[in-house]
ModelCIF file with pLDDT and N, C-alpha, C, O atoms, coordinates in Angstrom:
data_MODEL
#
_entry.id   MODEL 
#
_entity.id                         1 
_entity.type                       polymer 
_entity.pdbx_number_of_molecules   1 
#
_entity_poly.entity_id                      1 
_entity_poly.type                           'polypeptide(L)' 
_entity_poly.nstd_linkage                   no 
_entity_poly.nstd_monomer                   no 
_entity_poly.pdbx_seq_one_letter_code       KNFPYPTIAMWNGYCFGAGLNLSMVCDIRTASDTVKLGMPPAKLG 
_entity_poly.pdbx_seq_one_letter_code_can   KNFPYPTIAMWNGYCFGAGLNLSMVCDIRTASDTVKLGMPPAKLG 
_entity_poly.pdbx_strand_id                 A 
#
loop_
_entity_poly_seq.entity_id 
_entity_poly_seq.num 
_entity_poly_seq.mon_id 
_entity_poly_seq.hetero 
1 1  LYS n 
1 2  ASN n 
1 3  PHE n 
1 4  PRO n 
1 5  TYR n 
1 6  PRO n 
1 7  THR n 
1 8  ILE n 
1 9  ALA n 
1 10 MET n 
1 11 TRP n 
1 12 ASN n 
1 13 GLY n 
1 14 TYR n 
1 15 CYS n 
1 16 PHE n 
1 17 GLY n 
1 18 ALA n 
1 19 GLY n 
1 20 LEU n 
1 21 ASN n 
1 22 LEU n 
1 23 SER n 
1 24 MET n 
1 25 VAL n 
1 26 CYS n 
1 27 ASP n 
1 28 ILE n 
1 29 ARG n 
1 30 THR n 
1 31 ALA n 
1 32 SER n 
1 33 ASP n 
1 34 THR n 
1 35 VAL n 
1 36 LYS n 
1 37 LEU n 
1 38 GLY n 
1 39 MET n 
1 40 PRO n 
1 41 PRO n 
1 42 ALA n 
1 43 LYS n 
1 44 LEU n 
1 45 GLY n 
#
_struct_asym.id          A 
_struct_asym.entity_id   1 
#
loop_
_ma_qa_metric.id 
_ma_qa_metric.mode 
_ma_qa_metric.name 
_ma_qa_metric.software_group_id 
_ma_qa_metric.type 
1 global pLDDT . pLDDT 
2 local  pLDDT . pLDDT 
#
_ma_qa_metric_global.metric_id      1 
_ma_qa_metric_global.metric_value   96.00 
_ma_qa_metric_global.model_id       1 
_ma_qa_metric_global.ordinal_id     1 
#
loop_
_ma_qa_metric_local.label_asym_id 
_ma_qa_metric_local.label_comp_id 
_ma_qa_metric_local.label_seq_id 
_ma_qa_metric_local.metric_id 
_ma_qa_metric_local.metric_value 
_ma_qa_metric_local.model_id 
_ma_qa_metric_local.ordinal_id 
A LYS 1  2 95.00 1 1  
A ASN 2  2 96.00 1 2  
A PHE 3  2 98.00 1 3  
A PRO 4  2 97.00 1 4  
A TYR 5  2 98.00 1 5  
A PRO 6  2 98.00 1 6  
A THR 7  2 98.00 1 7  
A ILE 8  2 98.00 1 8  
A ALA 9  2 98.00 1 9  
A MET 10 2 98.00 1 10 
A TRP 11 2 98.00 1 11 
A ASN 12 2 97.00 1 12 
A GLY 13 2 96.00 1 13 
A TYR 14 2 95.00 1 14 
A CYS 15 2 97.00 1 15 
A PHE 16 2 97.00 1 16 
A GLY 17 2 94.00 1 17 
A ALA 18 2 94.00 1 18 
A GLY 19 2 97.00 1 19 
A LEU 20 2 97.00 1 20 
A ASN 21 2 97.00 1 21 
A LEU 22 2 97.00 1 22 
A SER 23 2 97.00 1 23 
A MET 24 2 97.00 1 24 
A VAL 25 2 97.00 1 25 
A CYS 26 2 98.00 1 26 
A ASP 27 2 98.00 1 27 
A ILE 28 2 98.00 1 28 
A ARG 29 2 98.00 1 29 
A THR 30 2 98.00 1 30 
A ALA 31 2 98.00 1 31 
A SER 32 2 98.00 1 32 
A ASP 33 2 97.00 1 33 
A THR 34 2 97.00 1 34 
A VAL 35 2 97.00 1 35 
A LYS 36 2 97.00 1 36 
A LEU 37 2 98.00 1 37 
A GLY 38 2 97.00 1 38 
A MET 39 2 96.00 1 39 
A PRO 40 2 92.00 1 40 
A PRO 41 2 91.00 1 41 
A ALA 42 2 89.00 1 42 
A LYS 43 2 89.00 1 43 
A LEU 44 2 86.00 1 44 
A GLY 45 2 87.00 1 45 
#
loop_
_atom_site.group_PDB 
_atom_site.id 
_atom_site.type_symbol 
_atom_site.label_atom_id 
_atom_site.label_alt_id 
_atom_site.label_comp_id 
_atom_site.label_asym_id 
_atom_site.label_entity_id 
_atom_site.label_seq_id 
_atom_site.pdbx_PDB_ins_code 
_atom_site.Cartn_x 
_atom_site.Cartn_y 
_atom_site.Cartn_z 
_atom_site.occupancy 
_atom_site.B_iso_or_equiv 
_atom_site.pdbx_formal_charge 
_atom_site.auth_seq_id 
_atom_site.auth_comp_id 
_atom_site.auth_asym_id 
_atom_site.auth_atom_id 
_atom_site.pdbx_PDB_model_num 
ATOM 1   N N  . LYS A 1 1  ? -0.199  -8.249  -9.300  1.00 95.00 ? 1  LYS A N  1 
ATOM 2   C CA . LYS A 1 1  ? -1.268  -9.143  -8.866  1.00 95.00 ? 1  LYS A CA 1 
ATOM 3   C C  . LYS A 1 1  ? -1.103  -10.536 -9.449  1.00 95.00 ? 1  LYS A C  1 
ATOM 4   O O  . LYS A 1 1  ? -1.372  -11.530 -8.774  1.00 95.00 ? 1  LYS A O  1 
ATOM 5   N N  . ASN A 1 2  ? -0.661  -10.613 -10.700 1.00 96.00 ? 2  ASN A N  1 
ATOM 6   C CA . ASN A 1 2  ? -0.562  -11.899 -11.379 1.00 96.00 ? 2  ASN A CA 1 
ATOM 7   C C  . ASN A 1 2  ? 0.830   -12.516 -11.312 1.00 96.00 ? 2  ASN A C  1 
ATOM 8   O O  . ASN A 1 2  ? 1.081   -13.534 -11.957 1.00 96.00 ? 2  ASN A O  1 
ATOM 9   N N  . PHE A 1 3  ? 1.745   -11.915 -10.539 1.00 98.00 ? 3  PHE A N  1 
ATOM 10  C CA . PHE A 1 3  ? 3.052   -12.553 -10.379 1.00 98.00 ? 3  PHE A CA 1 
ATOM 11  C C  . PHE A 1 3  ? 2.810   -13.956 -9.823  1.00 98.00 ? 3  PHE A C  1 
ATOM 12  O O  . PHE A 1 3  ? 2.019   -14.117 -8.894  1.00 98.00 ? 3  PHE A O  1 
ATOM 13  N N  . PRO A 1 4  ? 3.473   -14.966 -10.369 1.00 97.00 ? 4  PRO A N  1 
ATOM 14  C CA . PRO A 1 4  ? 3.126   -16.343 -10.021 1.00 97.00 ? 4  PRO A CA 1 
ATOM 15  C C  . PRO A 1 4  ? 3.359   -16.744 -8.570  1.00 97.00 ? 4  PRO A C  1 
ATOM 16  O O  . PRO A 1 4  ? 2.759   -17.707 -8.093  1.00 97.00 ? 4  PRO A O  1 
ATOM 17  N N  . TYR A 1 5  ? 4.216   -16.024 -7.868  1.00 98.00 ? 5  TYR A N  1 
ATOM 18  C CA . TYR A 1 5  ? 4.520   -16.359 -6.482  1.00 98.00 ? 5  TYR A CA 1 
ATOM 19  C C  . TYR A 1 5  ? 4.070   -15.232 -5.555  1.00 98.00 ? 5  TYR A C  1 
ATOM 20  O O  . TYR A 1 5  ? 3.771   -14.134 -6.024  1.00 98.00 ? 5  TYR A O  1 
ATOM 21  N N  . PRO A 1 6  ? 4.016   -15.489 -4.236  1.00 98.00 ? 6  PRO A N  1 
ATOM 22  C CA . PRO A 1 6  ? 3.529   -14.473 -3.290  1.00 98.00 ? 6  PRO A CA 1 
ATOM 23  C C  . PRO A 1 6  ? 4.362   -13.197 -3.282  1.00 98.00 ? 6  PRO A C  1 
ATOM 24  O O  . PRO A 1 6  ? 5.566   -13.217 -3.536  1.00 98.00 ? 6  PRO A O  1 
ATOM 25  N N  . THR A 1 7  ? 3.688   -12.082 -2.982  1.00 98.00 ? 7  THR A N  1 
ATOM 26  C CA . THR A 1 7  ? 4.318   -10.765 -2.931  1.00 98.00 ? 7  THR A CA 1 
ATOM 27  C C  . THR A 1 7  ? 3.998   -10.094 -1.600  1.00 98.00 ? 7  THR A C  1 
ATOM 28  O O  . THR A 1 7  ? 2.921   -10.284 -1.034  1.00 98.00 ? 7  THR A O  1 
ATOM 29  N N  . ILE A 1 8  ? 4.957   -9.304  -1.114  1.00 98.00 ? 8  ILE A N  1 
ATOM 30  C CA . ILE A 1 8  ? 4.796   -8.595  0.163   1.00 98.00 ? 8  ILE A CA 1 
ATOM 31  C C  . ILE A 1 8  ? 5.117   -7.114  -0.036  1.00 98.00 ? 8  ILE A C  1 
ATOM 32  O O  . ILE A 1 8  ? 6.167   -6.770  -0.580  1.00 98.00 ? 8  ILE A O  1 
ATOM 33  N N  . ALA A 1 9  ? 4.215   -6.246  0.403   1.00 98.00 ? 9  ALA A N  1 
ATOM 34  C CA . ALA A 1 9  ? 4.498   -4.809  0.439   1.00 98.00 ? 9  ALA A CA 1 
ATOM 35  C C  . ALA A 1 9  ? 4.977   -4.476  1.844   1.00 98.00 ? 9  ALA A C  1 
ATOM 36  O O  . ALA A 1 9  ? 4.247   -4.680  2.814   1.00 98.00 ? 9  ALA A O  1 
ATOM 37  N N  . MET A 1 10 ? 6.205   -3.964  1.960   1.00 98.00 ? 10 MET A N  1 
ATOM 38  C CA . MET A 1 10 ? 6.779   -3.607  3.263   1.00 98.00 ? 10 MET A CA 1 
ATOM 39  C C  . MET A 1 10 ? 6.787   -2.091  3.380   1.00 98.00 ? 10 MET A C  1 
ATOM 40  O O  . MET A 1 10 ? 7.593   -1.414  2.742   1.00 98.00 ? 10 MET A O  1 
ATOM 41  N N  . TRP A 1 11 ? 5.875   -1.558  4.205   1.00 98.00 ? 11 TRP A N  1 
ATOM 42  C CA . TRP A 1 11 ? 5.733   -0.116  4.349   1.00 98.00 ? 11 TRP A CA 1 
ATOM 43  C C  . TRP A 1 11 ? 6.751   0.416   5.350   1.00 98.00 ? 11 TRP A C  1 
ATOM 44  O O  . TRP A 1 11 ? 6.533   0.365   6.560   1.00 98.00 ? 11 TRP A O  1 
ATOM 45  N N  . ASN A 1 12 ? 7.847   0.917   4.839   1.00 97.00 ? 12 ASN A N  1 
ATOM 46  C CA . ASN A 1 12 ? 8.868   1.522   5.695   1.00 97.00 ? 12 ASN A CA 1 
ATOM 47  C C  . ASN A 1 12 ? 8.472   2.939   6.126   1.00 97.00 ? 12 ASN A C  1 
ATOM 48  O O  . ASN A 1 12 ? 8.965   3.449   7.132   1.00 97.00 ? 12 ASN A O  1 
ATOM 49  N N  . GLY A 1 13 ? 7.581   3.565   5.356   1.00 96.00 ? 13 GLY A N  1 
ATOM 50  C CA . GLY A 1 13 ? 7.151   4.931   5.645   1.00 96.00 ? 13 GLY A CA 1 
ATOM 51  C C  . GLY A 1 13 ? 5.755   5.153   5.116   1.00 96.00 ? 13 GLY A C  1 
ATOM 52  O O  . GLY A 1 13 ? 5.061   4.199   4.765   1.00 96.00 ? 13 GLY A O  1 
ATOM 53  N N  . TYR A 1 14 ? 5.331   6.419   5.054   1.00 95.00 ? 14 TYR A N  1 
ATOM 54  C CA . TYR A 1 14 ? 3.939   6.698   4.714   1.00 95.00 ? 14 TYR A CA 1 
ATOM 55  C C  . TYR A 1 14 ? 3.578   6.208   3.316   1.00 95.00 ? 14 TYR A C  1 
ATOM 56  O O  . TYR A 1 14 ? 4.423   6.097   2.428   1.00 95.00 ? 14 TYR A O  1 
ATOM 57  N N  . CYS A 1 15 ? 2.298   5.922   3.161   1.00 97.00 ? 15 CYS A N  1 
ATOM 58  C CA . CYS A 1 15 ? 1.818   5.235   1.964   1.00 97.00 ? 15 CYS A CA 1 
ATOM 59  C C  . CYS A 1 15 ? 0.457   5.808   1.577   1.00 97.00 ? 15 CYS A C  1 
ATOM 60  O O  . CYS A 1 15 ? -0.513  5.688   2.325   1.00 97.00 ? 15 CYS A O  1 
ATOM 61  N N  . PHE A 1 16 ? 0.396   6.438   0.389   1.00 97.00 ? 16 PHE A N  1 
ATOM 62  C CA . PHE A 1 16 ? -0.832  7.103   -0.023  1.00 97.00 ? 16 PHE A CA 1 
ATOM 63  C C  . PHE A 1 16 ? -1.190  6.773   -1.473  1.00 97.00 ? 16 PHE A C  1 
ATOM 64  O O  . PHE A 1 16 ? -0.343  6.345   -2.257  1.00 97.00 ? 16 PHE A O  1 
ATOM 65  N N  . GLY A 1 17 ? -2.460  6.982   -1.806  1.00 94.00 ? 17 GLY A N  1 
ATOM 66  C CA . GLY A 1 17 ? -2.922  6.928   -3.187  1.00 94.00 ? 17 GLY A CA 1 
ATOM 67  C C  . GLY A 1 17 ? -2.533  5.668   -3.926  1.00 94.00 ? 17 GLY A C  1 
ATOM 68  O O  . GLY A 1 17 ? -2.791  4.552   -3.475  1.00 94.00 ? 17 GLY A O  1 
ATOM 69  N N  . ALA A 1 18 ? -1.899  5.871   -5.082  1.00 94.00 ? 18 ALA A N  1 
ATOM 70  C CA . ALA A 1 18 ? -1.533  4.746   -5.939  1.00 94.00 ? 18 ALA A CA 1 
ATOM 71  C C  . ALA A 1 18 ? -0.554  3.799   -5.255  1.00 94.00 ? 18 ALA A C  1 
ATOM 72  O O  . ALA A 1 18 ? -0.540  2.604   -5.549  1.00 94.00 ? 18 ALA A O  1 
ATOM 73  N N  . GLY A 1 19 ? 0.271   4.329   -4.337  1.00 97.00 ? 19 GLY A N  1 
ATOM 74  C CA . GLY A 1 19 ? 1.174   3.457   -3.591  1.00 97.00 ? 19 GLY A CA 1 
ATOM 75  C C  . GLY A 1 19 ? 0.414   2.504   -2.695  1.00 97.00 ? 19 GLY A C  1 
ATOM 76  O O  . GLY A 1 19 ? 0.786   1.339   -2.548  1.00 97.00 ? 19 GLY A O  1 
ATOM 77  N N  . LEU A 1 20 ? -0.670  3.012   -2.088  1.00 97.00 ? 20 LEU A N  1 
ATOM 78  C CA . LEU A 1 20 ? -1.507  2.154   -1.252  1.00 97.00 ? 20 LEU A CA 1 
ATOM 79  C C  . LEU A 1 20 ? -2.265  1.162   -2.111  1.00 97.00 ? 20 LEU A C  1 
ATOM 80  O O  . LEU A 1 20 ? -2.407  -0.001  -1.733  1.00 97.00 ? 20 LEU A O  1 
ATOM 81  N N  . ASN A 1 21 ? -2.753  1.601   -3.261  1.00 97.00 ? 21 ASN A N  1 
ATOM 82  C CA . ASN A 1 21 ? -3.442  0.702   -4.190  1.00 97.00 ? 21 ASN A CA 1 
ATOM 83  C C  . ASN A 1 21 ? -2.505  -0.412  -4.650  1.00 97.00 ? 21 ASN A C  1 
ATOM 84  O O  . ASN A 1 21 ? -2.902  -1.577  -4.689  1.00 97.00 ? 21 ASN A O  1 
ATOM 85  N N  . LEU A 1 22 ? -1.265  -0.063  -4.999  1.00 97.00 ? 22 LEU A N  1 
ATOM 86  C CA . LEU A 1 22 ? -0.289  -1.073  -5.392  1.00 97.00 ? 22 LEU A CA 1 
ATOM 87  C C  . LEU A 1 22 ? -0.091  -2.101  -4.279  1.00 97.00 ? 22 LEU A C  1 
ATOM 88  O O  . LEU A 1 22 ? 0.040   -3.296  -4.544  1.00 97.00 ? 22 LEU A O  1 
ATOM 89  N N  . SER A 1 23 ? -0.071  -1.628  -3.038  1.00 97.00 ? 23 SER A N  1 
ATOM 90  C CA . SER A 1 23 ? 0.090   -2.530  -1.901  1.00 97.00 ? 23 SER A CA 1 
ATOM 91  C C  . SER A 1 23 ? -1.085  -3.498  -1.772  1.00 97.00 ? 23 SER A C  1 
ATOM 92  O O  . SER A 1 23 ? -0.914  -4.643  -1.356  1.00 97.00 ? 23 SER A O  1 
ATOM 93  N N  . MET A 1 24 ? -2.275  -3.027  -2.131  1.00 97.00 ? 24 MET A N  1 
ATOM 94  C CA . MET A 1 24 ? -3.461  -3.866  -2.009  1.00 97.00 ? 24 MET A CA 1 
ATOM 95  C C  . MET A 1 24 ? -3.447  -5.047  -2.976  1.00 97.00 ? 24 MET A C  1 
ATOM 96  O O  . MET A 1 24 ? -4.099  -6.060  -2.721  1.00 97.00 ? 24 MET A O  1 
ATOM 97  N N  . VAL A 1 25 ? -2.712  -4.929  -4.086  1.00 97.00 ? 25 VAL A N  1 
ATOM 98  C CA . VAL A 1 25 ? -2.647  -6.061  -5.013  1.00 97.00 ? 25 VAL A CA 1 
ATOM 99  C C  . VAL A 1 25 ? -1.521  -7.013  -4.642  1.00 97.00 ? 25 VAL A C  1 
ATOM 100 O O  . VAL A 1 25 ? -1.372  -8.069  -5.257  1.00 97.00 ? 25 VAL A O  1 
ATOM 101 N N  . CYS A 1 26 ? -0.721  -6.645  -3.632  1.00 98.00 ? 26 CYS A N  1 
ATOM 102 C CA . CYS A 1 26 ? 0.241   -7.596  -3.077  1.00 98.00 ? 26 CYS A CA 1 
ATOM 103 C C  . CYS A 1 26 ? -0.521  -8.577  -2.182  1.00 98.00 ? 26 CYS A C  1 
ATOM 104 O O  . CYS A 1 26 ? -1.623  -8.283  -1.719  1.00 98.00 ? 26 CYS A O  1 
ATOM 105 N N  . ASP A 1 27 ? 0.075   -9.726  -1.949  1.00 98.00 ? 27 ASP A N  1 
ATOM 106 C CA . ASP A 1 27 ? -0.606  -10.761 -1.167  1.00 98.00 ? 27 ASP A CA 1 
ATOM 107 C C  . ASP A 1 27 ? -0.580  -10.480 0.331   1.00 98.00 ? 27 ASP A C  1 
ATOM 108 O O  . ASP A 1 27 ? -1.514  -10.839 1.048   1.00 98.00 ? 27 ASP A O  1 
ATOM 109 N N  . ILE A 1 28 ? 0.489   -9.838  0.808   1.00 98.00 ? 28 ILE A N  1 
ATOM 110 C CA . ILE A 1 28 ? 0.685   -9.589  2.235   1.00 98.00 ? 28 ILE A CA 1 
ATOM 111 C C  . ILE A 1 28 ? 1.249   -8.181  2.399   1.00 98.00 ? 28 ILE A C  1 
ATOM 112 O O  . ILE A 1 28 ? 1.989   -7.697  1.542   1.00 98.00 ? 28 ILE A O  1 
ATOM 113 N N  . ARG A 1 29 ? 0.890   -7.517  3.522   1.00 98.00 ? 29 ARG A N  1 
ATOM 114 C CA . ARG A 1 29 ? 1.425   -6.196  3.808   1.00 98.00 ? 29 ARG A CA 1 
ATOM 115 C C  . ARG A 1 29 ? 1.985   -6.164  5.230   1.00 98.00 ? 29 ARG A C  1 
ATOM 116 O O  . ARG A 1 29 ? 1.340   -6.627  6.170   1.00 98.00 ? 29 ARG A O  1 
ATOM 117 N N  . THR A 1 30 ? 3.194   -5.611  5.379   1.00 98.00 ? 30 THR A N  1 
ATOM 118 C CA . THR A 1 30 ? 3.784   -5.385  6.694   1.00 98.00 ? 30 THR A CA 1 
ATOM 119 C C  . THR A 1 30 ? 4.105   -3.896  6.813   1.00 98.00 ? 30 THR A C  1 
ATOM 120 O O  . THR A 1 30 ? 4.327   -3.223  5.807   1.00 98.00 ? 30 THR A O  1 
ATOM 121 N N  . ALA A 1 31 ? 4.128   -3.382  8.054   1.00 98.00 ? 31 ALA A N  1 
ATOM 122 C CA . ALA A 1 31 ? 4.308   -1.942  8.216   1.00 98.00 ? 31 ALA A CA 1 
ATOM 123 C C  . ALA A 1 31 ? 5.063   -1.597  9.483   1.00 98.00 ? 31 ALA A C  1 
ATOM 124 O O  . ALA A 1 31 ? 4.974   -2.298  10.491  1.00 98.00 ? 31 ALA A O  1 
ATOM 125 N N  . SER A 1 32 ? 5.806   -0.506  9.414   1.00 98.00 ? 32 SER A N  1 
ATOM 126 C CA . SER A 1 32 ? 6.378   0.106   10.608  1.00 98.00 ? 32 SER A CA 1 
ATOM 127 C C  . SER A 1 32 ? 5.248   0.744   11.411  1.00 98.00 ? 32 SER A C  1 
ATOM 128 O O  . SER A 1 32 ? 4.268   1.221   10.839  1.00 98.00 ? 32 SER A O  1 
ATOM 129 N N  . ASP A 1 33 ? 5.387   0.752   12.731  1.00 97.00 ? 33 ASP A N  1 
ATOM 130 C CA . ASP A 1 33 ? 4.327   1.324   13.570  1.00 97.00 ? 33 ASP A CA 1 
ATOM 131 C C  . ASP A 1 33 ? 4.254   2.846   13.474  1.00 97.00 ? 33 ASP A C  1 
ATOM 132 O O  . ASP A 1 33 ? 3.368   3.462   14.065  1.00 97.00 ? 33 ASP A O  1 
ATOM 133 N N  . THR A 1 34 ? 5.173   3.450   12.740  1.00 97.00 ? 34 THR A N  1 
ATOM 134 C CA . THR A 1 34 ? 5.145   4.904   12.545  1.00 97.00 ? 34 THR A CA 1 
ATOM 135 C C  . THR A 1 34 ? 4.444   5.316   11.246  1.00 97.00 ? 34 THR A C  1 
ATOM 136 O O  . THR A 1 34 ? 4.291   6.507   10.972  1.00 97.00 ? 34 THR A O  1 
ATOM 137 N N  . VAL A 1 35 ? 4.025   4.346   10.461  1.00 97.00 ? 35 VAL A N  1 
ATOM 138 C CA . VAL A 1 35 ? 3.458   4.611   9.136   1.00 97.00 ? 35 VAL A CA 1 
ATOM 139 C C  . VAL A 1 35 ? 2.111   5.328   9.221   1.00 97.00 ? 35 VAL A C  1 
ATOM 140 O O  . VAL A 1 35 ? 1.293   5.042   10.096  1.00 97.00 ? 35 VAL A O  1 
ATOM 141 N N  . LYS A 1 36 ? 1.900   6.263   8.297   1.00 97.00 ? 36 LYS A N  1 
ATOM 142 C CA . LYS A 1 36 ? 0.607   6.894   8.066   1.00 97.00 ? 36 LYS A CA 1 
ATOM 143 C C  . LYS A 1 36 ? 0.183   6.566   6.638   1.00 97.00 ? 36 LYS A C  1 
ATOM 144 O O  . LYS A 1 36 ? 1.028   6.466   5.749   1.00 97.00 ? 36 LYS A O  1 
ATOM 145 N N  . LEU A 1 37 ? -1.105  6.399   6.415   1.00 98.00 ? 37 LEU A N  1 
ATOM 146 C CA . LEU A 1 37 ? -1.582  6.052   5.089   1.00 98.00 ? 37 LEU A CA 1 
ATOM 147 C C  . LEU A 1 37 ? -2.965  6.617   4.841   1.00 98.00 ? 37 LEU A C  1 
ATOM 148 O O  . LEU A 1 37 ? -3.674  6.995   5.773   1.00 98.00 ? 37 LEU A O  1 
ATOM 149 N N  . GLY A 1 38 ? -3.343  6.668   3.558   1.00 97.00 ? 38 GLY A N  1 
ATOM 150 C CA . GLY A 1 38 ? -4.664  7.174   3.240   1.00 97.00 ? 38 GLY A CA 1 
ATOM 151 C C  . GLY A 1 38 ? -4.930  7.177   1.743   1.00 97.00 ? 38 GLY A C  1 
ATOM 152 O O  . GLY A 1 38 ? -4.020  7.024   0.928   1.00 97.00 ? 38 GLY A O  1 
ATOM 153 N N  . MET A 1 39 ? -6.205  7.356   1.404   1.00 96.00 ? 39 MET A N  1 
ATOM 154 C CA . MET A 1 39 ? -6.651  7.464   0.020   1.00 96.00 ? 39 MET A CA 1 
ATOM 155 C C  . MET A 1 39 ? -7.388  8.792   -0.134  1.00 96.00 ? 39 MET A C  1 
ATOM 156 O O  . MET A 1 39 ? -8.497  8.933   0.383   1.00 96.00 ? 39 MET A O  1 
ATOM 157 N N  . PRO A 1 40 ? -6.802  9.773   -0.831  1.00 92.00 ? 40 PRO A N  1 
ATOM 158 C CA . PRO A 1 40 ? -7.355  11.129  -0.871  1.00 92.00 ? 40 PRO A CA 1 
ATOM 159 C C  . PRO A 1 40 ? -8.279  11.486  -2.033  1.00 92.00 ? 40 PRO A C  1 
ATOM 160 O O  . PRO A 1 40 ? -8.571  12.672  -2.184  1.00 92.00 ? 40 PRO A O  1 
ATOM 161 N N  . PRO A 1 41 ? -8.768  10.561  -2.872  1.00 91.00 ? 41 PRO A N  1 
ATOM 162 C CA . PRO A 1 41 ? -9.581  10.983  -4.023  1.00 91.00 ? 41 PRO A CA 1 
ATOM 163 C C  . PRO A 1 41 ? -10.739 11.914  -3.671  1.00 91.00 ? 41 PRO A C  1 
ATOM 164 O O  . PRO A 1 41 ? -10.999 12.874  -4.397  1.00 91.00 ? 41 PRO A O  1 
ATOM 165 N N  . ALA A 1 42 ? -11.436 11.643  -2.566  1.00 89.00 ? 42 ALA A N  1 
ATOM 166 C CA . ALA A 1 42 ? -12.594 12.479  -2.212  1.00 89.00 ? 42 ALA A CA 1 
ATOM 167 C C  . ALA A 1 42 ? -12.174 13.903  -1.864  1.00 89.00 ? 42 ALA A C  1 
ATOM 168 O O  . ALA A 1 42 ? -12.973 14.830  -1.995  1.00 89.00 ? 42 ALA A O  1 
ATOM 169 N N  . LYS A 1 43 ? -10.939 14.085  -1.424  1.00 89.00 ? 43 LYS A N  1 
ATOM 170 C CA . LYS A 1 43 ? -10.444 15.414  -1.098  1.00 89.00 ? 43 LYS A CA 1 
ATOM 171 C C  . LYS A 1 43 ? -9.888  16.134  -2.325  1.00 89.00 ? 43 LYS A C  1 
ATOM 172 O O  . LYS A 1 43 ? -9.568  17.321  -2.268  1.00 89.00 ? 43 LYS A O  1 
ATOM 173 N N  . LEU A 1 44 ? -9.778  15.402  -3.433  1.00 86.00 ? 44 LEU A N  1 
ATOM 174 C CA . LEU A 1 44 ? -9.251  15.982  -4.667  1.00 86.00 ? 44 LEU A CA 1 
ATOM 175 C C  . LEU A 1 44 ? -10.331 16.178  -5.734  1.00 86.00 ? 44 LEU A C  1 
ATOM 176 O O  . LEU A 1 44 ? -10.109 16.853  -6.740  1.00 86.00 ? 44 LEU A O  1 
ATOM 177 N N  . GLY A 1 45 ? -11.503 15.578  -5.500  1.00 87.00 ? 45 GLY A N  1 
ATOM 178 C CA . GLY A 1 45 ? -12.561 15.668  -6.500  1.00 87.00 ? 45 GLY A CA 1 
ATOM 179 C C  . GLY A 1 45 ? -12.519 14.556  -7.525  1.00 87.00 ? 45 GLY A C  1 
ATOM 180 O O  . GLY A 1 45 ? -13.358 14.514  -8.425  1.00 87.00 ? 45 GLY A O  1 
#
């Protein structure tokens, strides 16, 4: 998040949990149209 220059998360494949959270602190996100993603905490308790 605090890297001095812009950051991009490029989702080549599925993205879940902490990987998705890490992507959210990047400045920009790009994705393949085949990507699936999600945040499962509620399903884990």
